C-alpha cells in the first residue's frame, strides 16, 4: 500500500468515525423518544401480506388495515382469506385476498399483475409465509426440502421482483422479511428450516445493500427475527430460559417496525446479545451453553413425537396431507402451517 492509499484509508476512517458518532446519537434518541412520535403514515399504502389468512399473518394484516393501508392477502387457504377480508371490512378497513401458491413462480407473477390492475402498485411487501416439515435431516422427504426452500426463500425473490420495479421508479416502498432466530443459529429438527432462514437473512441484507448503493433511500427494509411464539400447537415444548412470545406481541412489533422504519427487529431484543457468543466463544463452550444451560436441542427434540406429522388448525396430519390442506403463514417458533415449529 503506497503513501497515497494510506492517506485515503485514514481519511475514510475519520469520515466513518464522524458519521458513527452521529448515527449512535441518532440511535440513542430513537431509543429514548416514544415510538408514537416516530411513526410514519401508511394510510393509502398498498400492503401485500403473504400467508395472511391466519396466525401472525392475519394479525399483521388487521393491524396494517387499522392504520389505513389497503391490505392484499396472498394465501392458499381460501376460506381463511375470506374470513380475514370479512374481519377487516367489518371495521371499515380495505382488504382483498387472492389464492396464490407461492411455490409457483409463474403464478406469483400472474397474480402480481392482477393486483396491479385491480388494486394498484404495492408499496409494502411483507414476506410472512413460511413452511417447515419439522423432521430430522435423514427423515425429511426430498420434496419437502424443496418445498421449504420454495416457500421460505425462493418466493421472496419472485415476489419482490414482481413489485420492486414500481417502488424503484417512485423511490418509495417498504420490504419486510420475516426470518427467524433459527436463521441466526442452526437448531435441531430444522436442517431445512434453518437453512432457508439463514438464506432469507443473507438475501435481505444483500438487497438492503444494493438499494442503498444505488440511491434508493426511499425504499425501507425491515428484517424480523423472532424467537419461540406461543401458539399452543405443541404442548410440552417449553424453552428453558427465555419466555415464549405471544402472536399478538410479535405482530404488533412487526407493524411497529414498519411504522418506525426499523432495519432490524429481533424478538425478544435480548436474543441479539446472545447470538454473537457463538462467533467468539470456543465451539465447545458454545455447545455447552446451548446444550446444558439453554437446552435448545432438547427443546427441539420434542418435535420427534410428531416426526411423521404436520399440523393444520390443531389437527395432526401427515406431511402429504398438510401440503395439500394447510395455509402458508409466518413461521416463528413452534408454528407449522398455521402453527408450525420454528425457533
Protein backbone atom coordinates (compact mmCIF):
# COMPACT_ATOMS: atom_id res chain seq x y z
CA UNK A 1 0.00 0.00 0.00
CA UNK A 2 1.57 3.28 -1.12
CA UNK A 3 1.52 6.56 0.80
CA UNK A 4 -1.45 7.97 -1.13
CA UNK A 5 -3.55 4.92 -0.39
CA UNK A 6 -2.63 5.10 3.30
CA UNK A 7 -3.79 8.73 3.40
CA UNK A 8 -7.06 7.75 1.71
CA UNK A 9 -7.66 4.96 4.21
CA UNK A 10 -7.01 7.30 7.15
CA UNK A 11 -9.28 9.93 5.61
CA UNK A 12 -12.08 7.39 5.12
CA UNK A 13 -11.62 6.14 8.69
CA UNK A 14 -12.03 9.69 10.04
CA UNK A 15 -15.21 10.12 8.00
CA UNK A 16 -16.58 6.82 9.29
CA UNK A 17 -15.81 7.79 12.87
CA UNK A 18 -17.59 11.11 12.41
CA UNK A 19 -20.70 9.52 10.93
CA UNK A 20 -20.59 6.79 13.58
CA UNK A 21 -20.91 9.39 16.33
CA UNK A 22 -23.88 10.93 14.52
CA UNK A 23 -25.57 7.57 13.96
CA UNK A 24 -25.01 6.46 17.56
CA UNK A 25 -26.60 9.67 18.82
CA UNK A 26 -29.48 9.12 16.40
CA UNK A 27 -29.95 5.56 17.67
CA UNK A 28 -29.93 6.75 21.28
CA UNK A 29 -32.52 9.42 20.52
CA UNK A 30 -34.73 6.87 18.75
CA UNK A 31 -34.46 4.63 21.80
CA UNK A 32 -35.46 7.46 24.13
CA UNK A 33 -38.24 9.02 22.06
CA UNK A 34 -41.58 7.15 22.39
CA UNK A 35 -42.43 5.24 19.23
CA UNK A 36 -45.73 7.04 18.80
CA UNK A 37 -43.75 10.15 17.83
CA UNK A 38 -41.67 8.27 15.26
CA UNK A 39 -44.40 6.51 13.31
CA UNK A 40 -44.89 7.23 9.64
CA UNK A 41 -48.30 7.42 7.98
CA UNK A 42 -49.25 4.40 5.88
CA UNK A 43 -52.81 5.43 5.08
CA UNK A 44 -53.38 4.77 1.39
CA UNK A 45 -50.37 2.48 1.04
CA UNK A 46 -50.98 -0.90 -0.58
CA UNK A 47 -49.59 -3.66 1.65
CA UNK A 48 -49.15 -7.25 0.49
CA UNK A 49 -49.03 -9.86 3.26
CA UNK A 50 -48.21 -13.42 2.25
CA UNK A 51 -49.65 -16.11 4.49
CA UNK A 52 -52.18 -13.56 5.70
CA UNK A 53 -55.12 -15.93 6.10
CA UNK A 54 -54.25 -16.99 9.62
CA UNK A 55 -51.87 -16.84 12.55
CA UNK A 56 -49.47 -13.94 12.77
CA UNK A 57 -50.06 -13.07 9.11
CA UNK A 58 -53.72 -12.46 9.89
CA UNK A 59 -52.82 -10.21 12.83
CA UNK A 60 -50.34 -8.22 10.74
CA UNK A 61 -52.98 -7.75 8.03
CA UNK A 62 -55.56 -6.49 10.52
CA UNK A 63 -53.12 -4.09 12.18
CA UNK A 64 -51.97 -2.64 8.85
CA UNK A 65 -55.58 -2.16 7.78
CA UNK A 66 -56.34 -0.41 11.07
CA UNK A 67 -53.57 2.04 10.18
CA UNK A 68 -55.25 2.83 6.87
CA UNK A 69 -53.34 0.58 4.48
CA UNK A 70 -55.12 -1.24 1.68
CA UNK A 71 -54.20 -4.82 2.55
CA UNK A 72 -53.71 -7.50 -0.09
CA UNK A 73 -53.63 -11.06 1.26
CA UNK A 74 -51.99 -13.97 -0.52
CA UNK A 75 -52.55 -17.45 0.82
CA UNK A 76 -53.57 -20.95 -0.28
CA UNK A 77 -56.32 -21.15 2.34
CA UNK A 78 -59.28 -19.64 0.51
CA UNK A 79 -61.78 -19.88 3.41
CA UNK A 80 -59.20 -18.26 5.66
CA UNK A 81 -58.69 -15.44 3.16
CA UNK A 82 -62.42 -14.76 3.00
CA UNK A 83 -62.67 -14.69 6.79
CA UNK A 84 -59.83 -12.18 7.24
CA UNK A 85 -61.15 -9.97 4.43
CA UNK A 86 -64.54 -10.02 6.16
CA UNK A 87 -62.97 -9.12 9.52
CA UNK A 88 -61.10 -6.16 8.08
CA UNK A 89 -64.01 -4.83 6.07
CA UNK A 90 -66.22 -5.10 9.17
CA UNK A 91 -64.34 -2.22 10.83
CA UNK A 92 -64.16 -0.19 7.62
CA UNK A 93 -60.73 -1.34 6.51
CA UNK A 94 -59.73 -2.06 2.94
CA UNK A 95 -58.71 -5.59 2.08
CA UNK A 96 -58.74 -8.01 -0.82
CA UNK A 97 -57.46 -11.55 -0.98
CA UNK A 98 -56.07 -13.81 -3.68
CA UNK A 99 -55.47 -17.53 -3.60
CA UNK A 100 -51.81 -17.88 -4.52
CA UNK A 101 -49.42 -20.82 -4.26
CA UNK A 102 -46.10 -19.05 -3.79
CA UNK A 103 -44.15 -22.18 -4.68
CA UNK A 104 -45.24 -21.46 -8.26
CA UNK A 105 -43.16 -18.61 -9.71
CA UNK A 106 -45.41 -18.15 -12.75
CA UNK A 107 -48.47 -17.93 -10.52
CA UNK A 108 -46.77 -15.25 -8.42
CA UNK A 109 -46.03 -13.13 -11.47
CA UNK A 110 -49.51 -13.65 -12.90
CA UNK A 111 -51.35 -12.70 -9.72
CA UNK A 112 -48.98 -9.77 -9.15
CA UNK A 113 -50.11 -8.34 -12.50
CA UNK A 114 -53.73 -8.81 -11.45
CA UNK A 115 -53.09 -6.96 -8.18
CA UNK A 116 -51.55 -4.03 -10.03
CA UNK A 117 -54.59 -3.79 -12.29
CA UNK A 118 -57.27 -4.27 -9.63
CA UNK A 119 -55.66 -2.52 -6.66
CA UNK A 120 -52.60 -0.56 -7.76
CA UNK A 121 -48.88 -0.69 -7.11
CA UNK A 122 -47.88 -2.49 -3.94
CA UNK A 123 -45.75 -0.24 -1.73
CA UNK A 124 -45.33 -2.52 1.29
CA UNK A 125 -44.39 -6.19 0.93
CA UNK A 126 -44.47 -8.43 4.00
CA UNK A 127 -42.86 -11.77 3.14
CA UNK A 128 -44.50 -13.60 6.00
CA UNK A 129 -45.39 -17.00 4.53
CA UNK A 130 -43.38 -19.94 5.71
CA UNK A 131 -43.19 -23.72 5.77
CA UNK A 132 -41.46 -26.43 7.77
CA UNK A 133 -41.68 -30.20 7.85
CA UNK A 134 -40.11 -30.46 11.31
CA UNK A 135 -38.16 -33.68 10.87
CA UNK A 136 -34.58 -34.71 11.40
CA UNK A 137 -32.38 -34.43 8.32
CA UNK A 138 -32.40 -38.09 7.28
CA UNK A 139 -36.17 -38.28 7.65
CA UNK A 140 -37.12 -35.24 5.56
CA UNK A 141 -38.54 -36.28 2.17
CA UNK A 142 -36.70 -34.62 -0.72
CA UNK A 143 -39.84 -32.92 -1.98
CA UNK A 144 -40.41 -31.41 1.48
CA UNK A 145 -36.92 -29.91 1.44
CA UNK A 146 -37.63 -28.37 -1.95
CA UNK A 147 -40.97 -27.05 -0.77
CA UNK A 148 -39.43 -25.46 2.29
CA UNK A 149 -36.90 -23.63 0.14
CA UNK A 150 -39.53 -22.51 -2.36
CA UNK A 151 -41.80 -21.03 0.29
CA UNK A 152 -39.24 -19.65 2.73
CA UNK A 153 -36.72 -18.05 0.38
CA UNK A 154 -37.24 -18.51 -3.36
CA UNK A 155 -40.69 -16.94 -3.15
CA UNK A 156 -39.07 -13.82 -1.68
CA UNK A 157 -37.12 -13.40 -4.91
CA UNK A 158 -40.15 -13.72 -7.16
CA UNK A 159 -42.48 -11.61 -5.01
CA UNK A 160 -40.01 -8.76 -4.52
CA UNK A 161 -39.09 -8.83 -8.21
CA UNK A 162 -42.76 -8.54 -9.09
CA UNK A 163 -43.24 -5.32 -7.12
CA UNK A 164 -39.83 -3.71 -6.61
CA UNK A 165 -39.61 -2.10 -10.04
CA UNK A 166 -42.51 0.25 -9.30
CA UNK A 167 -41.03 1.05 -5.89
CA UNK A 168 -37.74 1.96 -7.55
CA UNK A 169 -39.46 4.25 -10.05
CA UNK A 170 -41.00 6.23 -7.19
CA UNK A 171 -38.13 5.64 -4.73
CA UNK A 172 -40.81 4.70 -2.24
CA UNK A 173 -41.70 1.44 -0.55
CA UNK A 174 -41.00 -0.99 2.23
CA UNK A 175 -39.90 -4.62 2.12
CA UNK A 176 -40.30 -6.78 5.22
CA UNK A 177 -38.68 -10.18 5.65
CA UNK A 178 -40.00 -12.42 8.41
CA UNK A 179 -36.99 -14.60 9.15
CA UNK A 180 -36.28 -16.31 12.48
CA UNK A 181 -33.74 -16.72 15.24
CA UNK A 182 -33.27 -20.11 13.57
CA UNK A 183 -31.66 -18.12 10.76
CA UNK A 184 -29.03 -16.82 13.17
CA UNK A 185 -28.09 -20.21 14.59
CA UNK A 186 -28.84 -23.72 13.39
CA UNK A 187 -31.06 -25.89 15.54
CA UNK A 188 -32.24 -29.47 15.91
CA UNK A 189 -35.04 -30.74 13.64
CA UNK A 190 -34.66 -27.67 11.43
CA UNK A 191 -31.98 -28.50 8.86
CA UNK A 192 -34.39 -27.39 6.15
CA UNK A 193 -36.00 -24.50 8.01
CA UNK A 194 -32.81 -23.02 9.50
CA UNK A 195 -31.08 -23.18 6.12
CA UNK A 196 -33.87 -21.21 4.46
CA UNK A 197 -33.93 -18.64 7.24
CA UNK A 198 -30.16 -18.16 7.02
CA UNK A 199 -30.70 -17.66 3.29
CA UNK A 200 -33.55 -15.20 3.87
CA UNK A 201 -31.36 -13.09 6.15
CA UNK A 202 -28.47 -13.08 3.68
CA UNK A 203 -30.78 -12.22 0.80
CA UNK A 204 -32.46 -9.43 2.75
CA UNK A 205 -29.18 -7.84 3.84
CA UNK A 206 -27.77 -8.05 0.31
CA UNK A 207 -30.90 -6.42 -1.12
CA UNK A 208 -30.61 -3.68 1.52
CA UNK A 209 -27.02 -3.05 0.36
CA UNK A 210 -27.98 -2.88 -3.32
CA UNK A 211 -30.81 -0.43 -2.68
CA UNK A 212 -28.56 1.86 -0.63
CA UNK A 213 -25.68 1.69 -3.11
CA UNK A 214 -27.95 2.73 -5.96
CA UNK A 215 -29.51 5.62 -4.05
CA UNK A 216 -32.94 4.17 -3.27
CA UNK A 217 -33.06 5.63 0.22
CA UNK A 218 -36.84 5.92 -0.01
CA UNK A 219 -37.24 2.15 -0.05
CA UNK A 220 -37.06 0.87 3.51
CA UNK A 221 -36.28 -2.68 4.58
CA UNK A 222 -37.10 -4.42 7.85
CA UNK A 223 -35.69 -7.80 8.87
CA UNK A 224 -37.62 -9.58 11.62
CA UNK A 225 -36.08 -12.47 13.59
CA UNK A 226 -38.47 -13.84 16.23
CA UNK A 227 -37.77 -16.47 18.87
CA UNK A 228 -40.38 -19.01 20.05
CA UNK A 229 -44.02 -17.98 19.67
CA UNK A 230 -46.66 -19.37 21.99
CA UNK A 231 -49.20 -20.94 19.68
CA UNK A 232 -50.29 -23.80 21.90
CA UNK A 233 -49.95 -26.21 19.00
CA UNK A 234 -47.11 -28.20 20.57
CA UNK A 235 -47.83 -28.85 24.25
CA UNK A 236 -44.80 -29.85 26.26
CA UNK A 237 -42.33 -27.87 24.16
CA UNK A 238 -41.10 -25.19 26.54
CA UNK A 239 -37.95 -23.05 26.20
CA UNK A 240 -35.92 -23.22 29.38
CA UNK A 241 -34.87 -19.59 29.98
CA UNK A 242 -36.36 -17.13 27.52
CA UNK A 243 -40.14 -16.76 27.62
CA UNK A 244 -42.28 -17.68 24.66
CA UNK A 245 -43.66 -14.81 22.62
CA UNK A 246 -47.36 -14.21 22.10
CA UNK A 247 -48.55 -13.93 18.46
CA UNK A 248 -50.24 -10.60 19.21
CA UNK A 249 -46.96 -9.19 20.51
CA UNK A 250 -44.97 -10.41 17.51
CA UNK A 251 -47.48 -9.00 15.02
CA UNK A 252 -47.51 -5.65 16.83
CA UNK A 253 -43.72 -5.46 16.80
CA UNK A 254 -43.64 -6.23 13.07
CA UNK A 255 -46.09 -3.42 12.35
CA UNK A 256 -44.25 -1.02 14.65
CA UNK A 257 -41.05 -1.94 12.83
CA UNK A 258 -42.70 -0.89 9.59
CA UNK A 259 -44.13 2.33 11.01
CA UNK A 260 -40.79 3.41 12.51
CA UNK A 261 -38.59 2.16 9.64
CA UNK A 262 -36.59 -0.20 11.83
CA UNK A 263 -33.88 -2.02 9.92
CA UNK A 264 -33.73 -4.99 12.30
CA UNK A 265 -36.33 -6.34 14.70
CA UNK A 266 -35.12 -9.20 16.90
CA UNK A 267 -37.67 -10.66 19.30
CA UNK A 268 -37.06 -10.62 22.15
CA UNK A 269 -34.34 -7.99 21.83
CA UNK A 270 -32.14 -9.81 24.35
CA UNK A 271 -31.53 -12.58 21.80
CA UNK A 272 -29.33 -10.35 19.66
CA UNK A 273 -26.84 -10.14 22.52
CA UNK A 274 -26.62 -13.92 22.89
CA UNK A 275 -26.22 -14.85 19.22
CA UNK A 276 -22.72 -13.31 18.78
CA UNK A 277 -21.42 -15.59 21.53
CA UNK A 278 -21.14 -18.46 19.07
CA UNK A 279 -18.64 -16.44 17.00
CA UNK A 280 -16.12 -15.56 19.68
CA UNK A 281 -16.52 -18.35 22.23
CA UNK A 282 -14.75 -21.68 21.63
CA UNK A 283 -17.14 -24.06 19.81
CA UNK A 284 -17.26 -26.48 22.74
CA UNK A 285 -18.23 -23.67 25.11
CA UNK A 286 -20.98 -22.54 22.74
CA UNK A 287 -22.29 -26.09 22.52
CA UNK A 288 -22.18 -26.45 26.30
CA UNK A 289 -24.20 -23.27 26.74
CA UNK A 290 -26.74 -24.39 24.18
CA UNK A 291 -26.98 -28.00 25.35
CA UNK A 292 -26.53 -27.70 29.12
CA UNK A 293 -27.81 -24.23 30.02
CA UNK A 294 -30.36 -23.29 27.34
CA UNK A 295 -31.22 -26.88 26.41
CA UNK A 296 -32.12 -25.75 22.89
CA UNK A 297 -31.60 -29.13 21.18
CA UNK A 298 -33.59 -30.93 23.86
CA UNK A 299 -36.44 -28.48 23.39
CA UNK A 300 -36.48 -29.01 19.64
CA UNK A 301 -36.33 -32.78 20.12
CA UNK A 302 -39.90 -32.55 21.40
CA UNK A 303 -40.81 -32.45 17.73
CA UNK A 304 -39.74 -36.07 17.47
CA UNK A 305 -43.06 -37.21 18.86
CA UNK A 306 -44.59 -35.65 15.75
CA UNK A 307 -41.90 -36.98 13.43
CA UNK A 308 -44.49 -38.10 10.91
CA UNK A 309 -46.98 -35.32 11.49
CA UNK A 310 -47.74 -31.79 10.42
CA UNK A 311 -50.48 -29.56 11.80
CA UNK A 312 -53.43 -27.67 10.42
CA UNK A 313 -55.73 -25.82 12.78
CA UNK A 314 -54.83 -28.12 15.64
CA UNK A 315 -55.27 -31.38 13.74
CA UNK A 316 -52.35 -33.71 13.31
CA UNK A 317 -51.87 -34.55 9.65
CA UNK A 318 -49.00 -36.18 7.87
CA UNK A 319 -46.79 -34.05 5.64
CA UNK A 320 -48.60 -35.08 2.47
CA UNK A 321 -51.99 -34.02 3.84
CA UNK A 322 -50.55 -30.82 5.25
CA UNK A 323 -49.07 -29.91 1.89
CA UNK A 324 -52.49 -30.18 0.27
CA UNK A 325 -54.61 -28.63 3.01
CA UNK A 326 -52.55 -26.20 5.04
CA UNK A 327 -52.23 -22.50 4.56
CA UNK A 328 -48.94 -20.68 4.43
CA UNK A 329 -48.28 -18.48 7.38
CA UNK A 330 -45.43 -16.89 9.12
CA UNK A 331 -43.32 -19.45 10.95
CA UNK A 332 -41.90 -18.18 14.16
CA UNK A 333 -41.33 -20.55 16.96
CA UNK A 334 -43.29 -23.72 17.00
CA UNK A 335 -45.68 -22.91 14.18
CA UNK A 336 -46.24 -25.37 11.30
CA UNK A 337 -48.57 -24.25 8.56
CA UNK A 338 -50.94 -22.41 10.85
CA UNK A 339 -48.78 -23.06 13.88
CA UNK A 340 -45.50 -24.55 12.88
CA UNK A 341 -42.40 -25.18 14.91
CA UNK A 342 -39.59 -22.80 14.36
CA UNK A 343 -37.11 -21.08 16.51
